[in-house]
Amino acid sequence: MLKEGPSKRERTLARLLEAGLELFERQGYDATTVAQIARTAGVTEMTFFRYFPAKESLLLDDPYDPMLVEAIGRQPLDLPPFARAVRGIRAAWRTVPEPDQPAIRRRVRIAAGTPSLRGATWTSTGNTERAIVRRLVEDGASDHDARIAAAAVLAALVAGLFAWAEDESTGLAASIERALDVVDTTVTAGAGDA
């Protein structure tokens, strides 16, 4: 049986991603327009918006939310919310294969190095945070504790992701683990001092 090549939609998406990344790297995110990305990809602006609701979506799409929330939900209910969040995220990332596409590292590197995207990054992360909070609250945590646990763990996760984008010698899972170790160790050490 012959394997079919990428569909027209997949080819257009790939062209848009590559055009956007190339332009962002060459002239900067802020100086790049949707019109330039579309023109470089050989499509119209309308086509760009069929694939991405906004320019930052080209960089900030996050397909991992359901996996993270599900992994947190599998953690023992008698653990504190922070421990459930850390353990759940660790478990989820251990199942994610190392990205083999350099485009993913390029996307994260551009987002990490663009001050105007920091807010959009946190807006995107806010969706993940709300999903984690909802899960922790559904499992019996107070809203207050769930919000703090989710925010702390996601701050570490984003920092680990950004560090991975800058360090070609580090794998994504190792960078995430190291970031979680920092907050987990700090909380453990701080609890012993009280």
Protein backbone atom coordinates (compact mmCIF):
# COMPACT_ATOMS: atom_id res chain seq x y z
CA MET A 1 0.00 0.00 0.00
CA LEU A 2 1.39 3.38 -0.96
CA LYS A 3 1.57 5.99 1.72
CA GLU A 4 -0.06 9.23 0.73
CA GLY A 5 1.95 12.40 1.04
CA PRO A 6 0.89 15.37 3.11
CA SER A 7 -2.52 16.82 2.31
CA LYS A 8 -2.89 20.28 0.79
CA ARG A 9 -3.87 21.59 4.22
CA GLU A 10 -0.73 20.08 5.83
CA ARG A 11 1.50 21.51 3.07
CA THR A 12 -0.05 24.98 3.46
CA LEU A 13 0.34 24.83 7.23
CA ALA A 14 3.99 23.81 6.87
CA ARG A 15 4.65 26.68 4.42
CA LEU A 16 3.00 29.20 6.76
CA LEU A 17 5.00 27.96 9.75
CA GLU A 18 8.30 28.01 7.88
CA ALA A 19 7.64 31.44 6.36
CA GLY A 20 6.69 32.87 9.75
CA LEU A 21 9.71 31.38 11.53
CA GLU A 22 12.10 32.55 8.82
CA LEU A 23 10.73 36.09 8.89
CA PHE A 24 10.61 36.25 12.69
CA GLU A 25 14.24 35.11 12.91
CA ARG A 26 15.43 37.44 10.16
CA GLN A 27 13.59 40.66 10.96
CA GLY A 28 12.04 40.06 14.39
CA TYR A 29 8.56 39.13 15.47
CA ASP A 30 7.30 42.69 15.92
CA ALA A 31 8.55 43.84 12.50
CA THR A 32 6.89 40.92 10.70
CA THR A 33 3.33 41.29 9.44
CA VAL A 34 0.75 38.67 8.62
CA ALA A 35 0.77 40.01 5.05
CA GLN A 36 4.50 39.29 4.78
CA ILE A 37 4.08 35.77 6.17
CA ALA A 38 1.21 35.03 3.77
CA ARG A 39 3.09 36.46 0.78
CA THR A 40 6.26 34.47 1.63
CA ALA A 41 4.16 31.30 1.98
CA GLY A 42 2.42 31.99 -1.33
CA VAL A 43 -1.08 32.36 0.14
CA THR A 44 -3.48 35.18 0.95
CA GLU A 45 -3.93 36.81 4.35
CA MET A 46 -7.38 35.24 4.47
CA THR A 47 -5.76 31.81 4.15
CA PHE A 48 -3.37 32.66 6.99
CA PHE A 49 -6.34 33.42 9.24
CA ARG A 50 -8.00 30.11 8.33
CA TYR A 51 -5.02 28.42 10.00
CA PHE A 52 -4.20 30.88 12.79
CA PRO A 53 -6.52 33.32 14.58
CA ALA A 54 -3.63 35.75 15.16
CA LYS A 55 0.07 36.13 14.37
CA GLU A 56 1.15 34.97 17.83
CA SER A 57 -0.83 31.75 17.38
CA LEU A 58 1.84 30.64 14.92
CA LEU A 59 4.22 30.46 17.90
CA LEU A 60 2.05 29.80 20.93
CA ASP A 61 -0.20 26.88 20.00
CA ASP A 62 -0.21 24.40 22.92
CA PRO A 63 -1.59 20.90 22.30
CA TYR A 64 -0.55 19.50 25.71
CA ASP A 65 -3.24 20.87 28.05
CA PRO A 66 -5.55 17.82 28.09
CA MET A 67 -2.60 15.49 28.69
CA LEU A 68 -1.31 17.59 31.63
CA VAL A 69 -4.71 17.88 33.29
CA GLU A 70 -5.39 14.16 32.89
CA ALA A 71 -2.01 13.26 34.44
CA ILE A 72 -2.67 15.57 37.41
CA GLY A 73 -6.06 13.92 37.87
CA ARG A 74 -4.38 10.51 38.17
CA GLN A 75 -2.30 11.60 41.17
CA PRO A 76 -3.38 10.47 44.68
CA LEU A 77 -6.08 12.72 46.10
CA ASP A 78 -4.45 12.78 49.54
CA LEU A 79 -1.45 14.73 48.18
CA PRO A 80 -1.42 18.53 48.52
CA PRO A 81 -2.40 20.39 45.32
CA PHE A 82 1.16 21.50 44.57
CA ALA A 83 2.51 17.93 44.85
CA ARG A 84 -0.30 16.61 42.63
CA ALA A 85 0.45 19.28 40.02
CA VAL A 86 4.23 18.67 40.05
CA ARG A 87 3.87 14.88 39.95
CA GLY A 88 1.18 15.03 37.29
CA ILE A 89 3.19 17.30 35.02
CA ARG A 90 6.30 15.15 35.53
CA ALA A 91 4.32 12.04 34.62
CA ALA A 92 2.82 13.70 31.54
CA TRP A 93 6.15 14.99 30.21
CA ARG A 94 7.76 11.60 30.70
CA THR A 95 5.33 10.20 28.13
CA VAL A 96 5.93 12.92 25.52
CA PRO A 97 8.50 11.92 22.92
CA GLU A 98 11.36 14.37 22.40
CA PRO A 99 10.31 16.76 19.64
CA ASP A 100 12.17 15.82 16.49
CA GLN A 101 11.20 18.96 14.67
CA PRO A 102 13.65 21.85 14.96
CA ALA A 103 10.68 24.11 14.23
CA ILE A 104 9.33 23.54 17.76
CA ARG A 105 12.57 24.75 19.36
CA ARG A 106 12.64 27.69 16.93
CA ARG A 107 9.06 28.65 17.86
CA VAL A 108 9.80 28.56 21.58
CA ARG A 109 13.11 30.43 21.13
CA ILE A 110 11.39 33.25 19.21
CA ALA A 111 8.62 33.50 21.83
CA ALA A 112 11.14 33.51 24.69
CA GLY A 113 13.23 36.23 23.06
CA THR A 114 10.38 38.56 22.11
CA PRO A 115 9.35 40.87 24.96
CA SER A 116 6.04 41.75 23.29
CA LEU A 117 5.13 38.04 23.25
CA ARG A 118 5.64 37.55 26.98
CA GLY A 119 2.09 38.70 27.70
CA ALA A 120 0.67 36.47 24.96
CA THR A 121 2.69 33.56 26.33
CA TRP A 122 1.12 34.05 29.76
CA THR A 123 -2.33 34.46 28.20
CA SER A 124 -1.84 31.12 26.44
CA THR A 125 -0.54 29.60 29.66
CA GLY A 126 -3.59 31.03 31.45
CA ASN A 127 -5.77 28.52 29.61
CA THR A 128 -3.60 25.71 30.95
CA GLU A 129 -3.64 27.23 34.42
CA ARG A 130 -7.44 27.44 34.47
CA ALA A 131 -7.72 23.81 33.38
CA ILE A 132 -5.32 22.68 36.13
CA VAL A 133 -7.13 24.77 38.77
CA ARG A 134 -10.48 23.34 37.68
CA ARG A 135 -9.10 19.79 37.97
CA LEU A 136 -7.57 20.36 41.41
CA VAL A 137 -10.77 22.01 42.72
CA GLU A 138 -12.93 19.21 41.30
CA ASP A 139 -10.70 16.80 43.23
CA GLY A 140 -11.24 18.64 46.52
CA ALA A 141 -8.56 21.39 46.72
CA SER A 142 -9.57 24.89 47.75
CA ASP A 143 -9.68 27.41 44.93
CA HIS A 144 -6.93 29.42 46.67
CA ASP A 145 -4.53 26.49 46.97
CA ALA A 146 -5.30 25.22 43.47
CA ARG A 147 -4.56 28.63 41.92
CA ILE A 148 -1.24 28.98 43.72
CA ALA A 149 -0.18 25.42 42.89
CA ALA A 150 -1.08 25.79 39.21
CA ALA A 151 0.64 29.18 38.87
CA ALA A 152 3.85 28.01 40.56
CA VAL A 153 4.13 24.81 38.56
CA LEU A 154 3.35 26.53 35.26
CA ALA A 155 5.93 29.26 35.93
CA ALA A 156 8.54 26.52 36.32
CA LEU A 157 7.25 24.72 33.23
CA VAL A 158 7.50 27.85 31.05
CA ALA A 159 10.96 28.67 32.41
CA GLY A 160 12.09 25.12 31.62
CA LEU A 161 10.62 25.35 28.14
CA PHE A 162 12.40 28.64 27.47
CA ALA A 163 15.70 27.25 28.82
CA TRP A 164 15.35 24.24 26.51
CA ALA A 165 14.83 26.50 23.50
CA GLU A 166 18.12 28.27 24.19
CA ASP A 167 20.25 25.20 25.00
CA GLU A 168 20.65 22.89 22.00
CA SER A 169 22.40 20.27 24.18
CA THR A 170 19.41 19.75 26.49
CA GLY A 171 16.42 17.56 25.82
CA LEU A 172 12.95 18.93 26.47
CA ALA A 173 12.01 16.34 29.11
CA ALA A 174 15.30 16.93 30.98
CA SER A 175 14.76 20.69 30.96
CA ILE A 176 11.20 20.34 32.26
CA GLU A 177 12.33 17.90 34.97
CA ARG A 178 15.09 20.27 36.07
CA ALA A 179 12.68 23.21 36.25
CA LEU A 180 10.23 21.18 38.33
CA ASP A 181 13.10 20.04 40.57
CA VAL A 182 13.90 23.68 41.35
CA VAL A 183 10.41 24.53 42.58
CA ASP A 184 9.85 21.17 44.20
CA THR A 185 13.15 21.30 46.11
CA THR A 186 12.55 24.90 47.15
CA VAL A 187 9.10 24.08 48.53
CA THR A 188 10.40 20.97 50.32
CA ALA A 189 13.34 22.88 51.83
CA GLY A 190 11.11 25.80 52.81
CA ALA A 191 8.62 23.51 54.56
CA GLY A 192 11.38 22.07 56.73
CA ASP A 193 12.40 25.55 57.92
CA ALA A 194 8.96 26.47 59.22
